[in-house]
Amino acid sequence: RQPLCAVLILMGLFLGIQSSGVVRRLMSAELNAESEAAANQVESFFERYYGVTECLAATQIVRDTTAQVGQDGIAANALYGSLMETLKLIQEQNAENVSCIWICYFASGEICQNDGQIYTPAELDYTTRSWYKMVMDTGGSVATEAYIDINTNGMMVTVASPIMVNGTIAGIVGADLDMNHLDQVLDGITIGKEGYITLYDSQSQILYHP
């Protein structure tokens, strides 16, 4: 009986060790899956607005106004009224997250917003903006580092895409994203029983923490 008991005890210990290892692996896999799902939600949030700015940059009215704008400014362009209707419509369709849609015209140096505000070079030098430098460096769509909006005091990120005319970048379309809704999405995510998501930008600034 004693040898049998010893064998059973050893088997019990072996199975216990094995099962605890399986549990740990399963828990680790579950936590990894939950973390990956959260990362995918953040990625899809920004991918949506890459699509918005890229599609707008490729529209005929944006390409035409970019090619035609001169020193008289965008407001003097015959297509200005239609352009404003387009910008307002797109902003309204994405109002949950987009506080502003704008276009930067290199030829006139202006930035035209969906609310009708036009910034001249004397008021705002677009070449000093981070989105300009990033688009010119990459030649494609970018998302800026997070910043505090001076009007709302909320956390913002700008997504910007180049306007191509005759093979060169002639302007930039941008969308200023309010991070409040993304915060609400992340608030609903837990990792395991008590874990949570922390979101950083590339400069290690915290974009979200519960």
Protein backbone atom coordinates (compact mmCIF):
# COMPACT_ATOMS: atom_id res chain seq x y z
CA ARG A 1 0.00 0.00 0.00
CA GLN A 2 2.78 2.48 0.87
CA PRO A 3 4.45 2.30 -2.61
CA LEU A 4 1.01 2.72 -4.20
CA CYS A 5 0.25 5.76 -2.02
CA ALA A 6 3.64 7.26 -2.90
CA VAL A 7 2.96 6.77 -6.61
CA LEU A 8 -0.48 8.35 -6.29
CA ILE A 9 0.96 11.30 -4.37
CA LEU A 10 3.66 11.82 -6.99
CA MET A 11 1.07 11.59 -9.76
CA GLY A 12 -1.10 14.10 -7.94
CA LEU A 13 1.80 16.52 -7.59
CA PHE A 14 2.77 16.06 -11.23
CA LEU A 15 -0.79 16.64 -12.46
CA GLY A 16 -1.14 19.64 -10.16
CA ILE A 17 2.04 21.21 -11.54
CA GLN A 18 0.99 20.44 -15.09
CA SER A 19 -2.51 21.83 -14.64
CA SER A 20 -1.24 25.01 -12.97
CA GLY A 21 1.09 25.53 -15.93
CA VAL A 22 -1.82 25.05 -18.33
CA VAL A 23 -3.92 27.54 -16.35
CA ARG A 24 -1.11 30.09 -16.43
CA ARG A 25 -0.71 29.65 -20.17
CA LEU A 26 -4.46 29.98 -20.72
CA MET A 27 -4.62 33.09 -18.55
CA SER A 28 -1.64 34.59 -20.35
CA ALA A 29 -3.22 33.84 -23.73
CA GLU A 30 -6.49 35.42 -22.61
CA LEU A 31 -4.76 38.56 -21.35
CA ASN A 32 -2.77 38.82 -24.57
CA ALA A 33 -5.96 38.45 -26.61
CA GLU A 34 -7.72 41.16 -24.60
CA SER A 35 -4.74 43.50 -24.95
CA GLU A 36 -4.57 42.86 -28.69
CA ALA A 37 -8.31 43.50 -29.05
CA ALA A 38 -7.90 46.85 -27.27
CA ALA A 39 -4.97 47.77 -29.54
CA ASN A 40 -7.08 46.89 -32.58
CA GLN A 41 -9.86 49.21 -31.38
CA VAL A 42 -7.41 52.10 -31.07
CA GLU A 43 -5.91 51.32 -34.47
CA SER A 44 -9.32 51.16 -36.16
CA PHE A 45 -10.25 54.51 -34.57
CA PHE A 46 -7.34 56.25 -36.30
CA GLU A 47 -7.61 54.21 -39.52
CA ARG A 48 -11.15 55.54 -39.94
CA TYR A 49 -9.92 59.12 -40.04
CA TYR A 50 -6.98 58.32 -42.25
CA GLY A 51 -9.68 57.18 -44.66
CA VAL A 52 -11.70 60.39 -44.20
CA THR A 53 -8.76 62.71 -44.92
CA GLU A 54 -7.40 60.57 -47.77
CA CYS A 55 -10.79 60.40 -49.49
CA LEU A 56 -11.32 64.15 -49.09
CA ALA A 57 -7.84 64.90 -50.44
CA ALA A 58 -8.64 62.82 -53.52
CA THR A 59 -12.01 64.45 -54.31
CA GLN A 60 -12.27 66.50 -57.48
CA ILE A 61 -13.34 69.69 -55.74
CA VAL A 62 -10.34 69.64 -53.39
CA ARG A 63 -7.92 68.83 -56.19
CA ASP A 64 -9.42 71.55 -58.42
CA THR A 65 -9.38 74.28 -55.76
CA THR A 66 -5.82 73.32 -54.82
CA ALA A 67 -4.69 73.58 -58.44
CA GLN A 68 -6.53 76.88 -59.03
CA VAL A 69 -5.97 78.83 -55.82
CA GLY A 70 -3.74 81.86 -56.20
CA GLN A 71 -2.64 84.96 -54.35
CA ASP A 72 -6.25 86.20 -54.19
CA GLY A 73 -6.96 83.34 -51.79
CA ILE A 74 -9.41 80.47 -51.64
CA ALA A 75 -12.44 82.68 -50.92
CA ALA A 76 -12.09 84.22 -54.41
CA ASN A 77 -12.28 80.80 -56.07
CA ALA A 78 -15.48 80.03 -57.97
CA LEU A 79 -15.70 76.67 -56.22
CA TYR A 80 -15.39 78.11 -52.71
CA GLY A 81 -19.11 77.79 -51.87
CA SER A 82 -19.23 74.15 -52.94
CA LEU A 83 -15.99 73.45 -51.09
CA MET A 84 -17.40 74.83 -47.85
CA GLU A 85 -20.55 72.72 -48.21
CA THR A 86 -18.35 69.63 -48.63
CA LEU A 87 -16.21 70.41 -45.58
CA LYS A 88 -19.24 71.16 -43.40
CA LEU A 89 -20.98 67.94 -44.48
CA ILE A 90 -17.97 65.75 -43.72
CA GLN A 91 -17.46 67.36 -40.32
CA GLU A 92 -21.13 66.91 -39.44
CA GLN A 93 -21.00 63.25 -40.46
CA ASN A 94 -18.05 62.72 -38.12
CA ALA A 95 -18.96 65.25 -35.42
CA GLU A 96 -18.70 62.62 -32.67
CA ASN A 97 -14.91 62.74 -32.89
CA VAL A 98 -13.94 65.45 -35.39
CA SER A 99 -13.93 68.99 -34.05
CA CYS A 100 -12.62 70.52 -37.27
CA ILE A 101 -11.93 69.64 -40.93
CA TRP A 102 -9.50 71.92 -42.73
CA ILE A 103 -7.46 72.34 -45.91
CA CYS A 104 -4.03 73.95 -46.17
CA TYR A 105 -3.27 75.50 -49.57
CA PHE A 106 0.45 75.92 -50.20
CA ALA A 107 -0.03 78.33 -53.14
CA SER A 108 -1.83 80.94 -51.03
CA GLY A 109 -0.47 79.87 -47.66
CA GLU A 110 -4.01 79.71 -46.27
CA ILE A 111 -5.75 77.24 -43.99
CA CYS A 112 -9.48 77.00 -44.63
CA GLN A 113 -11.73 75.41 -41.97
CA ASN A 114 -15.21 73.88 -42.22
CA ASP A 115 -16.63 76.71 -40.06
CA GLY A 116 -15.58 79.32 -42.62
CA GLN A 117 -12.50 80.51 -40.72
CA ILE A 118 -9.56 81.21 -43.03
CA TYR A 119 -6.08 81.72 -41.57
CA THR A 120 -3.64 83.71 -43.68
CA PRO A 121 0.15 83.17 -43.57
CA ALA A 122 0.47 86.25 -41.35
CA GLU A 123 -1.91 84.68 -38.82
CA LEU A 124 -0.65 81.09 -38.94
CA ASP A 125 2.52 79.87 -40.63
CA TYR A 126 1.64 76.33 -41.71
CA THR A 127 5.30 75.44 -42.29
CA THR A 128 5.85 75.52 -38.51
CA ARG A 129 3.13 72.97 -37.79
CA SER A 130 4.08 69.40 -36.91
CA TRP A 131 1.57 67.90 -39.36
CA TYR A 132 3.17 69.80 -42.25
CA LYS A 133 6.65 68.53 -41.42
CA MET A 134 5.41 64.96 -40.94
CA VAL A 135 3.46 64.86 -44.22
CA MET A 136 6.37 66.35 -46.18
CA ASP A 137 8.80 63.88 -44.59
CA THR A 138 6.67 60.79 -45.19
CA GLY A 139 4.72 61.79 -48.30
CA GLY A 140 1.64 60.13 -46.82
CA SER A 141 -1.00 60.29 -44.12
CA VAL A 142 0.12 60.96 -40.55
CA ALA A 143 -1.21 61.39 -37.03
CA THR A 144 0.45 64.00 -34.83
CA GLU A 145 1.45 63.75 -31.22
CA ALA A 146 -1.29 64.64 -28.75
CA TYR A 147 -1.71 68.29 -27.81
CA ILE A 148 -4.01 70.45 -25.70
CA ASP A 149 -6.55 72.44 -27.74
CA ILE A 150 -6.42 76.10 -26.70
CA ASN A 151 -10.18 76.53 -27.23
CA THR A 152 -11.55 73.46 -25.45
CA ASN A 153 -8.58 72.57 -23.20
CA GLY A 154 -9.14 68.98 -24.31
CA MET A 155 -6.67 66.43 -25.67
CA MET A 156 -6.48 66.46 -29.47
CA VAL A 157 -4.70 64.59 -32.26
CA THR A 158 -4.54 65.79 -35.88
CA VAL A 159 -4.73 63.34 -38.78
CA ALA A 160 -3.45 64.81 -42.06
CA SER A 161 -3.14 63.65 -45.67
CA PRO A 162 -1.39 65.19 -48.69
CA ILE A 163 -3.23 66.66 -51.70
CA MET A 164 -1.40 65.54 -54.82
CA VAL A 165 -1.46 67.76 -57.92
CA ASN A 166 0.62 66.74 -60.94
CA GLY A 167 2.66 64.37 -58.81
CA THR A 168 3.60 66.87 -56.11
CA ILE A 169 2.18 67.75 -52.70
CA ALA A 170 0.29 71.01 -53.21
CA GLY A 171 -1.70 71.07 -49.99
CA ILE A 172 -2.83 69.10 -46.97
CA VAL A 173 -6.23 67.97 -45.68
CA GLY A 174 -6.54 67.63 -41.93
CA ALA A 175 -8.99 66.47 -39.27
CA ASP A 176 -8.60 67.53 -35.64
CA LEU A 177 -9.77 64.64 -33.46
CA ASP A 178 -11.18 65.04 -29.98
CA MET A 179 -9.87 62.22 -27.78
CA ASN A 180 -12.88 62.25 -25.41
CA HIS A 181 -14.83 59.58 -27.29
CA LEU A 182 -11.80 57.31 -27.55
CA ASP A 183 -11.43 57.69 -23.78
CA GLN A 184 -15.01 56.48 -23.36
CA VAL A 185 -14.31 53.46 -25.56
CA LEU A 186 -11.19 52.57 -23.57
CA ASP A 187 -13.03 53.09 -20.27
CA GLY A 188 -15.12 50.05 -21.17
CA ILE A 189 -12.12 47.76 -21.62
CA THR A 190 -10.68 45.67 -18.81
CA ILE A 191 -7.75 43.27 -18.99
CA GLY A 192 -8.49 40.29 -16.80
CA LYS A 193 -10.32 41.17 -13.58
CA GLU A 194 -8.59 44.42 -12.62
CA GLY A 195 -6.23 45.28 -15.49
CA TYR A 196 -6.62 48.37 -17.62
CA ILE A 197 -5.33 50.03 -20.77
CA THR A 198 -2.80 52.86 -20.85
CA LEU A 199 -2.28 54.54 -24.23
CA TYR A 200 0.97 56.38 -25.05
CA ASP A 201 2.06 58.35 -28.10
CA SER A 202 5.52 57.98 -29.65
CA GLN A 203 6.93 60.58 -27.26
CA SER A 204 5.69 58.56 -24.24
CA GLN A 205 3.00 61.11 -23.44
CA ILE A 206 -0.03 59.46 -21.84
CA LEU A 207 -3.04 59.79 -24.14
CA TYR A 208 -5.31 57.70 -21.94
CA HIS A 209 -5.27 56.31 -18.41
CA PRO A 210 -8.38 55.35 -16.40
